[in-house]
Amino acid sequence: MHKNKYDYASDFDEWYREDINSMVDKDFNHPSVIMYSIGNEVSEPYQERGVEFKKHICTQRRH
């Protein structure tokens, strides 16, 4: 869901995998940063779609 007209929501589906890999590389010693960021980016945290997507993000493996 968009928070405003020009936010990241338009690009999220295309870029989230690369962005998560970069964030994990940078913040691997700070798991709270990673978990906060995942929760912050998915704006539907209490909707079924948001819950399922967070699970999907957390189980992605680097290739």
C-alpha atoms as a PDB file:
ATOM      1  CA  MET A   1       0.000   0.000   0.000  1.00  0.00           C
ATOM      2  CA  HIS A   2       1.251   3.462  -0.793  1.00  0.00           C
ATOM      3  CA  LYS A   3       1.901   5.816   2.099  1.00  0.00           C
ATOM      4  CA  ASN A   4       2.216   8.692  -0.365  1.00  0.00           C
ATOM      5  CA  LYS A   5       2.277   9.158  -4.134  1.00  0.00           C
ATOM      6  CA  TYR A   6       6.058   8.790  -4.584  1.00  0.00           C
ATOM      7  CA  ASP A   7       6.995   6.191  -1.985  1.00  0.00           C
ATOM      8  CA  TYR A   8       8.715   2.829  -2.414  1.00  0.00           C
ATOM      9  CA  ALA A   9       5.496   0.808  -2.820  1.00  0.00           C
ATOM     10  CA  SER A  10       5.634   1.092  -6.607  1.00  0.00           C
ATOM     11  CA  ASP A  11       9.089  -0.529  -6.693  1.00  0.00           C
ATOM     12  CA  PHE A  12       8.811  -2.890  -3.719  1.00  0.00           C
ATOM     13  CA  ASP A  13       7.874  -6.088  -5.579  1.00  0.00           C
ATOM     14  CA  GLU A  14      10.714  -5.661  -8.062  1.00  0.00           C
ATOM     15  CA  TRP A  15      13.467  -4.696  -5.621  1.00  0.00           C
ATOM     16  CA  TYR A  16      12.707  -6.143  -2.163  1.00  0.00           C
ATOM     17  CA  ARG A  17      14.901  -9.248  -2.603  1.00  0.00           C
ATOM     18  CA  GLU A  18      17.981  -7.242  -3.569  1.00  0.00           C
ATOM     19  CA  ASP A  19      17.275  -4.651  -0.883  1.00  0.00           C
ATOM     20  CA  ILE A  20      16.924  -7.294   1.832  1.00  0.00           C
ATOM     21  CA  ASN A  21      20.164  -8.980   0.774  1.00  0.00           C
ATOM     22  CA  SER A  22      21.973  -5.631   0.931  1.00  0.00           C
ATOM     23  CA  MET A  23      20.477  -4.834   4.330  1.00  0.00           C
ATOM     24  CA  VAL A  24      21.424  -8.249   5.745  1.00  0.00           C
ATOM     25  CA  ASP A  25      24.979  -7.862   4.421  1.00  0.00           C
ATOM     26  CA  LYS A  26      25.234  -4.455   6.072  1.00  0.00           C
ATOM     27  CA  ASP A  27      23.372  -5.158   9.340  1.00  0.00           C
ATOM     28  CA  PHE A  28      23.932  -8.872   9.973  1.00  0.00           C
ATOM     29  CA  ASN A  29      25.180  -8.122  13.495  1.00  0.00           C
ATOM     30  CA  HIS A  30      22.053  -6.089  14.226  1.00  0.00           C
ATOM     31  CA  PRO A  31      19.001  -8.353  13.742  1.00  0.00           C
ATOM     32  CA  SER A  32      16.702  -5.821  15.415  1.00  0.00           C
ATOM     33  CA  VAL A  33      17.426  -3.383  12.557  1.00  0.00           C
ATOM     34  CA  ILE A  34      16.462  -6.028  10.024  1.00  0.00           C
ATOM     35  CA  MET A  35      13.249  -7.032  11.810  1.00  0.00           C
ATOM     36  CA  TYR A  36      12.219  -3.418  12.366  1.00  0.00           C
ATOM     37  CA  SER A  37      12.831  -2.623   8.719  1.00  0.00           C
ATOM     38  CA  ILE A  38      10.786  -5.573   7.506  1.00  0.00           C
ATOM     39  CA  GLY A  39       7.889  -4.529   9.717  1.00  0.00           C
ATOM     40  CA  ASN A  40       8.225  -0.913   8.716  1.00  0.00           C
ATOM     41  CA  GLU A  41       8.156  -1.576   4.969  1.00  0.00           C
ATOM     42  CA  VAL A  42       5.073  -3.786   4.925  1.00  0.00           C
ATOM     43  CA  SER A  43       2.279  -1.357   5.717  1.00  0.00           C
ATOM     44  CA  GLU A  44      -0.360  -4.063   6.141  1.00  0.00           C
ATOM     45  CA  PRO A  45       1.140  -5.705   9.268  1.00  0.00           C
ATOM     46  CA  TYR A  46      -2.161  -6.930  10.672  1.00  0.00           C
ATOM     47  CA  GLN A  47      -3.796  -7.932   7.406  1.00  0.00           C
ATOM     48  CA  GLU A  48      -3.401 -11.528   6.259  1.00  0.00           C
ATOM     49  CA  ARG A  49      -1.468 -10.422   3.147  1.00  0.00           C
ATOM     50  CA  GLY A  50       1.053  -8.510   5.263  1.00  0.00           C
ATOM     51  CA  VAL A  51       1.557 -11.354   7.733  1.00  0.00           C
ATOM     52  CA  GLU A  52       2.105 -13.867   4.939  1.00  0.00           C
ATOM     53  CA  PHE A  53       4.467 -11.557   3.082  1.00  0.00           C
ATOM     54  CA  LYS A  54       6.608 -11.011   6.198  1.00  0.00           C
ATOM     55  CA  LYS A  55       6.886 -14.782   6.581  1.00  0.00           C
ATOM     56  CA  HIS A  56       7.920 -15.014   2.925  1.00  0.00           C
ATOM     57  CA  ILE A  57      10.546 -12.282   3.319  1.00  0.00           C
ATOM     58  CA  CYS A  58      11.993 -13.902   6.437  1.00  0.00           C
ATOM     59  CA  THR A  59      12.396 -17.280   4.755  1.00  0.00           C
ATOM     60  CA  GLN A  60      14.093 -16.046   1.568  1.00  0.00           C
ATOM     61  CA  ARG A  61      17.520 -17.466   0.929  1.00  0.00           C
ATOM     62  CA  ARG A  62      20.355 -15.709  -0.850  1.00  0.00           C
ATOM     63  CA  HIS A  63      21.260 -17.092  -4.234  1.00  0.00           C
END
